[in-house]
Amino acid sequence: MFIGQNCDSLIVSSRNISGFLATPPPNIRAILLHGSDNGLIHERAEILAATVVENLGDPFRVSELTGKQIVRDPARLIDEAMAQSLVGGRRVIFVRLGTENISDSLKDLFKAPEMGSMVILEVLEAGLLPKSSPVRKLMEKEYHGAVVACYEDNQASLNQLLSEVFGQVDLRVSQEARDYLLNNLGSDRLVSRQELEKVILYAGDNQDISLEDVAAIVGDNSVLSIENIVFAVAGGNKVTLDIGLARATAEGITPIALIRATQRHIHRLLLAGAACADGMTPNEAMKILRPPVLFMFAEQFRQQLRMWSPSFSALALSLLTKSEIECKSTGLPDRAIVERTLLRVSQIARTC
């Protein structure tokens, strides 16, 4: 049993998802995949389908329907599910579902005699179906149904994805590069996989990947520019800050992005500082931060952790919040407002 709200339903938990995807229970005829991560929904749908059909491009064993088609012709689903493949073997029916109510067609599917098809319902437009959805209510209580919620990747699932993808090609990734990926991969599984495939392609015959490699090809390269700026601000380094601000302008980084990144950095210093006050060492305190501090900035973070007291942090956060409000309400040039504020926060750092 994976997990269920009652003895007849199968609501798959994140803890048991790997086993379910590898070997769906034989009683399951239809699986509902819904949630906030369309890429993960699509990935899991293909993994499930591959347990039934070796070649997902086989037109004799793979069919696709939409919720709208089933609403127009309610018998279409059961007809497809009961159809026999001309080349033998079980079949898969993908159903691209929105908010359509196809619960009556699903009931017919569940009442039908034993069949060899697997129906995979992919909710790609509606996202996380509410509990009031007739389709979800039916699937959550049906013995022949299963429900899988697909949420955006967190640090743990991203870390697992990195190990899985790079392990398949025996690619060795430095800890600094892994930290960078954890900080900068998107929350959508499909996008994350595409970015990791770029890393593999870039690596070629080289089995070792460094921070410089992934920073050059993954996501928005402005991330490192922003990190350089916020560390210069919190470190009171005016020369580096001036250079960073000029580069940010050239790269088109928005002033609001700089303000918010600096706010996050001060909050992280506060969090780690509180952990140190409770008896942790700076290194231990840094390890509780999510996402982790990039390796290349670790020593600067430790130094700033010793510099910033709660009172100085509160003053800096007040200035940053006021600056964001001014950007949105005064009509003055936001870049000038933000650059002035960052210089003031940098001045605070020099007095810490």
Foldseek 3Di string as FASTA:
>chain_A
DQDAPDPQAAEHDPVCLVVCLQPPDPLAAEEEEFADFLQVLVVSVVSNQCNFDVDCVDPQAEEEEELVVCVVPVQVVVVVQADARPVHTHHEYEYAYELHQSLVSVVVVLPDPDTRYHYYYRHNHNHDDDCPRSVNVCQRRHNNHYYYYDYFDFLVVVLVVVCVVLVVVQAAEDPLLSLVLNVAQDRHPNSSVVLVVVLVVQCVPPRYHYNVSSCVRGHDVCVVLLVQQLLCLLQLPVVSNVVSLVVCVVSVPDLLVSLVSNLVLLVLLVQLLVVVVVPDDSVVSQVVDPSGDRPVCSVSSNVSSVQDDPVLSVVLNVLSVVLVVCCVPVPPPSSVSSSVSSNVSSVSSVVD
